[in-house]
Every structure is written in C-alpha cells, then in structure tokens.
Amino acid sequence: MKLTISRKAHFNAAHKLYRPDWSDEKNNKVFGKCSNKNFHGHNYELIVSLTGEVDPETGYVYDIGKLSQIIKSEIEDYLDHKNLNLDIEEFSSLNPSAENIAILIYDRLIKYFKEKYKLKVVLYETPRNFVEYSG
C-alpha cells in the first residue's frame, strides 16, 4: 500500500523577473511590477511530499525528521533571506520564477531519495499563487 507523507517549510527571498536582453519596456510589459529594478520579496511556503510503501518495521514511509533535516540544509539554509538573482548561482542566467524555483528545489532534493519514492514539490509564492513539480 502506498501512502504520501508531506513536510511544510518556508523561506523568505527577494527576486525580480527580468531578461537583460529585453528593453525595460518589454520587461515591464511581460513581468509587470515583478520586474522592479530594486527587486521585491516573498514569504515562500513549501510542501515536500514523498509517496512510497510503508516500511513494516518502522511504520514509516520515510522518517519525517530526516526529511525535515534535508529540507532545512538543502532548501531553507540555501534560499532563506537571499536575493535569488544575485546570491543563487543557478539564477545568474535563469529567471527565478516560481516555476524555476520549484525545479531547483526538486533537483536539490531528489538525490536523497531512492527510486522507490515519488517526490513532489509544491511551492506557494503567495497564498493564491503556487506551482507543483514532480520531475
């Protein structure tokens, strides 16, 4: 029997959506206030879910404490209170949209989980705007 466990986390970060090969006018037309030259911030909410079989010895799909530690070291410590455009190497030439942030989070986490687990990341940029990514 497969079950899904989830762990919530959060981080705060600044970013701007901007393409340097576009004019300021085009950036503003496409990205609106998200292209503000002085950046803007979000209180990101993250849900990391693992689907797998329940281990008959532990009763766990996966140790949630261990999952929490992985999220803290790989995501919260890496992204919290950062300017994503300036401080995170992956976004030096990639727009830090919610979609791209979710992919980055997934890519940083997936290496910890054996193929027997299905990983899903849900990232809330605002309470009403969120993305889901599962590889």
C-alpha atoms as a PDB file:
ATOM      1  CA  MET A   1       0.000   0.000   0.000  1.00  0.00           C
ATOM      2  CA  LYS A   2       1.391   3.396  -0.996  1.00  0.00           C
ATOM      3  CA  LEU A   3       0.943   6.497   1.119  1.00  0.00           C
ATOM      4  CA  THR A   4       2.131  10.078   0.807  1.00  0.00           C
ATOM      5  CA  ILE A   5       3.819  11.975   3.615  1.00  0.00           C
ATOM      6  CA  SER A   6       4.393  15.720   3.475  1.00  0.00           C
ATOM      7  CA  ARG A   7       6.506  18.271   5.301  1.00  0.00           C
ATOM      8  CA  LYS A   8       5.898  22.023   5.239  1.00  0.00           C
ATOM      9  CA  ALA A   9       8.718  24.546   5.257  1.00  0.00           C
ATOM     10  CA  HIS A  10       9.191  28.201   4.414  1.00  0.00           C
ATOM     11  CA  PHE A  11      11.792  30.708   3.369  1.00  0.00           C
ATOM     12  CA  ASN A  12      11.874  34.407   2.574  1.00  0.00           C
ATOM     13  CA  ALA A  13      13.663  35.640  -0.512  1.00  0.00           C
ATOM     14  CA  ALA A  14      13.857  38.565  -2.906  1.00  0.00           C
ATOM     15  CA  HIS A  15      13.962  38.409  -6.688  1.00  0.00           C
ATOM     16  CA  LYS A  16      12.987  40.152  -9.863  1.00  0.00           C
ATOM     17  CA  LEU A  17      11.793  38.737 -13.137  1.00  0.00           C
ATOM     18  CA  TYR A  18      13.838  40.355 -15.841  1.00  0.00           C
ATOM     19  CA  ARG A  19      15.551  39.488 -19.088  1.00  0.00           C
ATOM     20  CA  PRO A  20      18.658  41.590 -19.740  1.00  0.00           C
ATOM     21  CA  ASP A  21      18.316  41.021 -23.486  1.00  0.00           C
ATOM     22  CA  TRP A  22      14.923  42.818 -23.410  1.00  0.00           C
ATOM     23  CA  SER A  23      14.268  46.517 -23.008  1.00  0.00           C
ATOM     24  CA  ASP A  24      12.915  47.829 -19.713  1.00  0.00           C
ATOM     25  CA  GLU A  25       9.644  48.487 -21.518  1.00  0.00           C
ATOM     26  CA  LYS A  26       9.320  44.892 -22.715  1.00  0.00           C
ATOM     27  CA  ASN A  27      10.270  43.526 -19.277  1.00  0.00           C
ATOM     28  CA  ASN A  28       7.624  45.730 -17.699  1.00  0.00           C
ATOM     29  CA  LYS A  29       5.031  44.668 -20.260  1.00  0.00           C
ATOM     30  CA  VAL A  30       5.712  40.944 -19.697  1.00  0.00           C
ATOM     31  CA  PHE A  31       6.601  40.826 -15.983  1.00  0.00           C
ATOM     32  CA  GLY A  32       4.868  43.964 -14.674  1.00  0.00           C
ATOM     33  CA  LYS A  33       5.806  45.033 -11.161  1.00  0.00           C
ATOM     34  CA  CYS A  34       7.783  41.791 -10.771  1.00  0.00           C
ATOM     35  CA  SER A  35      10.482  43.379 -12.956  1.00  0.00           C
ATOM     36  CA  ASN A  36      11.088  46.188 -10.433  1.00  0.00           C
ATOM     37  CA  LYS A  37      14.767  47.160 -10.744  1.00  0.00           C
ATOM     38  CA  ASN A  38      15.085  47.160  -6.945  1.00  0.00           C
ATOM     39  CA  PHE A  39      13.653  43.638  -6.570  1.00  0.00           C
ATOM     40  CA  HIS A  40      10.736  42.524  -4.378  1.00  0.00           C
ATOM     41  CA  GLY A  41      10.252  39.761  -1.824  1.00  0.00           C
ATOM     42  CA  HIS A  42       8.049  36.812  -0.989  1.00  0.00           C
ATOM     43  CA  ASN A  43       7.358  34.633   2.020  1.00  0.00           C
ATOM     44  CA  TYR A  44       7.526  31.314   0.206  1.00  0.00           C
ATOM     45  CA  GLU A  45       5.680  28.313   1.620  1.00  0.00           C
ATOM     46  CA  LEU A  46       6.926  24.885   0.576  1.00  0.00           C
ATOM     47  CA  ILE A  47       5.348  21.449   0.817  1.00  0.00           C
ATOM     48  CA  VAL A  48       7.594  18.485   0.081  1.00  0.00           C
ATOM     49  CA  SER A  49       5.802  15.159  -0.371  1.00  0.00           C
ATOM     50  CA  LEU A  50       7.120  11.620  -0.677  1.00  0.00           C
ATOM     51  CA  THR A  51       4.975   8.734  -1.845  1.00  0.00           C
ATOM     52  CA  GLY A  52       6.058   5.198  -1.113  1.00  0.00           C
ATOM     53  CA  GLU A  53       5.359   1.940   0.669  1.00  0.00           C
ATOM     54  CA  VAL A  54       5.040   1.803   4.448  1.00  0.00           C
ATOM     55  CA  ASP A  55       8.060   0.073   5.990  1.00  0.00           C
ATOM     56  CA  PRO A  56       6.662  -2.808   8.087  1.00  0.00           C
ATOM     57  CA  GLU A  57       9.487  -2.446  10.651  1.00  0.00           C
ATOM     58  CA  THR A  58       9.101   1.293  11.340  1.00  0.00           C
ATOM     59  CA  GLY A  59       5.583   2.049  10.172  1.00  0.00           C
ATOM     60  CA  TYR A  60       7.084   4.957   8.187  1.00  0.00           C
ATOM     61  CA  VAL A  61       7.013   5.776   4.507  1.00  0.00           C
ATOM     62  CA  TYR A  62      10.095   7.874   5.308  1.00  0.00           C
ATOM     63  CA  ASP A  63      11.442   9.320   8.558  1.00  0.00           C
ATOM     64  CA  ILE A  64       9.805  12.784   8.667  1.00  0.00           C
ATOM     65  CA  GLY A  65      12.556  14.062  10.985  1.00  0.00           C
ATOM     66  CA  LYS A  66      15.176  13.125   8.421  1.00  0.00           C
ATOM     67  CA  LEU A  67      13.073  14.734   5.675  1.00  0.00           C
ATOM     68  CA  SER A  68      12.887  17.908   7.760  1.00  0.00           C
ATOM     69  CA  GLN A  69      16.689  17.999   8.143  1.00  0.00           C
ATOM     70  CA  ILE A  70      17.213  17.533   4.397  1.00  0.00           C
ATOM     71  CA  ILE A  71      14.779  20.361   3.579  1.00  0.00           C
ATOM     72  CA  LYS A  72      16.479  22.650   6.098  1.00  0.00           C
ATOM     73  CA  SER A  73      20.011  22.031   4.842  1.00  0.00           C
ATOM     74  CA  GLU A  74      19.258  21.893   1.107  1.00  0.00           C
ATOM     75  CA  ILE A  75      16.489  24.471   0.764  1.00  0.00           C
ATOM     76  CA  GLU A  76      15.912  26.712   3.765  1.00  0.00           C
ATOM     77  CA  ASP A  77      19.599  27.317   4.532  1.00  0.00           C
ATOM     78  CA  TYR A  78      20.330  27.771   0.815  1.00  0.00           C
ATOM     79  CA  LEU A  79      17.481  30.134  -0.151  1.00  0.00           C
ATOM     80  CA  ASP A  80      16.288  31.877   3.022  1.00  0.00           C
ATOM     81  CA  HIS A  81      16.928  35.634   3.190  1.00  0.00           C
ATOM     82  CA  LYS A  82      18.709  35.622  -0.162  1.00  0.00           C
ATOM     83  CA  ASN A  83      18.380  37.704  -3.271  1.00  0.00           C
ATOM     84  CA  LEU A  84      17.751  34.868  -5.707  1.00  0.00           C
ATOM     85  CA  ASN A  85      19.042  36.805  -8.717  1.00  0.00           C
ATOM     86  CA  LEU A  86      22.289  37.844  -7.023  1.00  0.00           C
ATOM     87  CA  ASP A  87      23.043  35.165  -4.427  1.00  0.00           C
ATOM     88  CA  ILE A  88      21.982  31.892  -6.054  1.00  0.00           C
ATOM     89  CA  GLU A  89      24.271  30.681  -8.820  1.00  0.00           C
ATOM     90  CA  GLU A  90      21.536  28.772 -10.651  1.00  0.00           C
ATOM     91  CA  PHE A  91      19.663  32.050 -11.213  1.00  0.00           C
ATOM     92  CA  SER A  92      22.595  34.043 -12.536  1.00  0.00           C
ATOM     93  CA  SER A  93      21.245  33.457 -16.054  1.00  0.00           C
ATOM     94  CA  LEU A  94      17.804  31.975 -15.332  1.00  0.00           C
ATOM     95  CA  ASN A  95      14.730  33.932 -14.265  1.00  0.00           C
ATOM     96  CA  PRO A  96      13.809  32.946 -10.683  1.00  0.00           C
ATOM     97  CA  SER A  97      10.123  32.419 -11.431  1.00  0.00           C
ATOM     98  CA  ALA A  98       8.120  30.219  -9.072  1.00  0.00           C
ATOM     99  CA  GLU A  99       8.312  27.508 -11.729  1.00  0.00           C
ATOM    100  CA  ASN A 100      12.111  27.653 -11.909  1.00  0.00           C
ATOM    101  CA  ILE A 101      12.448  27.832  -8.119  1.00  0.00           C
ATOM    102  CA  ALA A 102      10.307  24.690  -7.765  1.00  0.00           C
ATOM    103  CA  ILE A 103      12.511  22.859 -10.280  1.00  0.00           C
ATOM    104  CA  LEU A 104      15.643  23.964  -8.409  1.00  0.00           C
ATOM    105  CA  ILE A 105      14.161  22.700  -5.120  1.00  0.00           C
ATOM    106  CA  TYR A 106      13.209  19.373  -6.681  1.00  0.00           C
ATOM    107  CA  ASP A 107      16.671  18.953  -8.209  1.00  0.00           C
ATOM    108  CA  ARG A 108      18.362  19.679  -4.867  1.00  0.00           C
ATOM    109  CA  LEU A 109      16.155  17.143  -3.035  1.00  0.00           C
ATOM    110  CA  ILE A 110      15.737  14.228  -5.439  1.00  0.00           C
ATOM    111  CA  LYS A 111      19.294  12.938  -4.912  1.00  0.00           C
ATOM    112  CA  TYR A 112      18.354  11.929  -1.341  1.00  0.00           C
ATOM    113  CA  PHE A 113      15.559   9.568  -2.283  1.00  0.00           C
ATOM    114  CA  LYS A 114      15.765   6.130  -3.777  1.00  0.00           C
ATOM    115  CA  GLU A 115      13.758   5.327  -6.875  1.00  0.00           C
ATOM    116  CA  LYS A 116      11.124   3.660  -4.713  1.00  0.00           C
ATOM    117  CA  TYR A 117       9.903   7.134  -3.677  1.00  0.00           C
ATOM    118  CA  LYS A 118       7.929   9.640  -5.741  1.00  0.00           C
ATOM    119  CA  LEU A 119       8.888  13.222  -4.854  1.00  0.00           C
ATOM    120  CA  LYS A 120       6.568  16.192  -5.320  1.00  0.00           C
ATOM    121  CA  VAL A 121       7.260  19.842  -4.528  1.00  0.00           C
ATOM    122  CA  VAL A 122       4.509  22.429  -4.060  1.00  0.00           C
ATOM    123  CA  LEU A 123       5.767  25.999  -3.806  1.00  0.00           C
ATOM    124  CA  TYR A 124       3.500  28.873  -2.769  1.00  0.00           C
ATOM    125  CA  GLU A 125       4.804  32.261  -3.868  1.00  0.00           C
ATOM    126  CA  THR A 126       1.688  33.882  -2.404  1.00  0.00           C
ATOM    127  CA  PRO A 127      -1.285  32.288  -0.652  1.00  0.00           C
ATOM    128  CA  ARG A 128      -3.100  32.215  -4.015  1.00  0.00           C
ATOM    129  CA  ASN A 129      -0.224  31.568  -6.458  1.00  0.00           C
ATOM    130  CA  PHE A 130       1.558  28.234  -6.363  1.00  0.00           C
ATOM    131  CA  VAL A 131       3.238  25.665  -8.579  1.00  0.00           C
ATOM    132  CA  GLU A 132       3.625  21.899  -8.318  1.00  0.00           C
ATOM    133  CA  TYR A 133       6.534  19.887  -9.717  1.00  0.00           C
ATOM    134  CA  SER A 134       7.216  16.188  -9.590  1.00  0.00           C
ATOM    135  CA  GLY A 135      10.004  15.675 -12.083  1.00  0.00           C
END
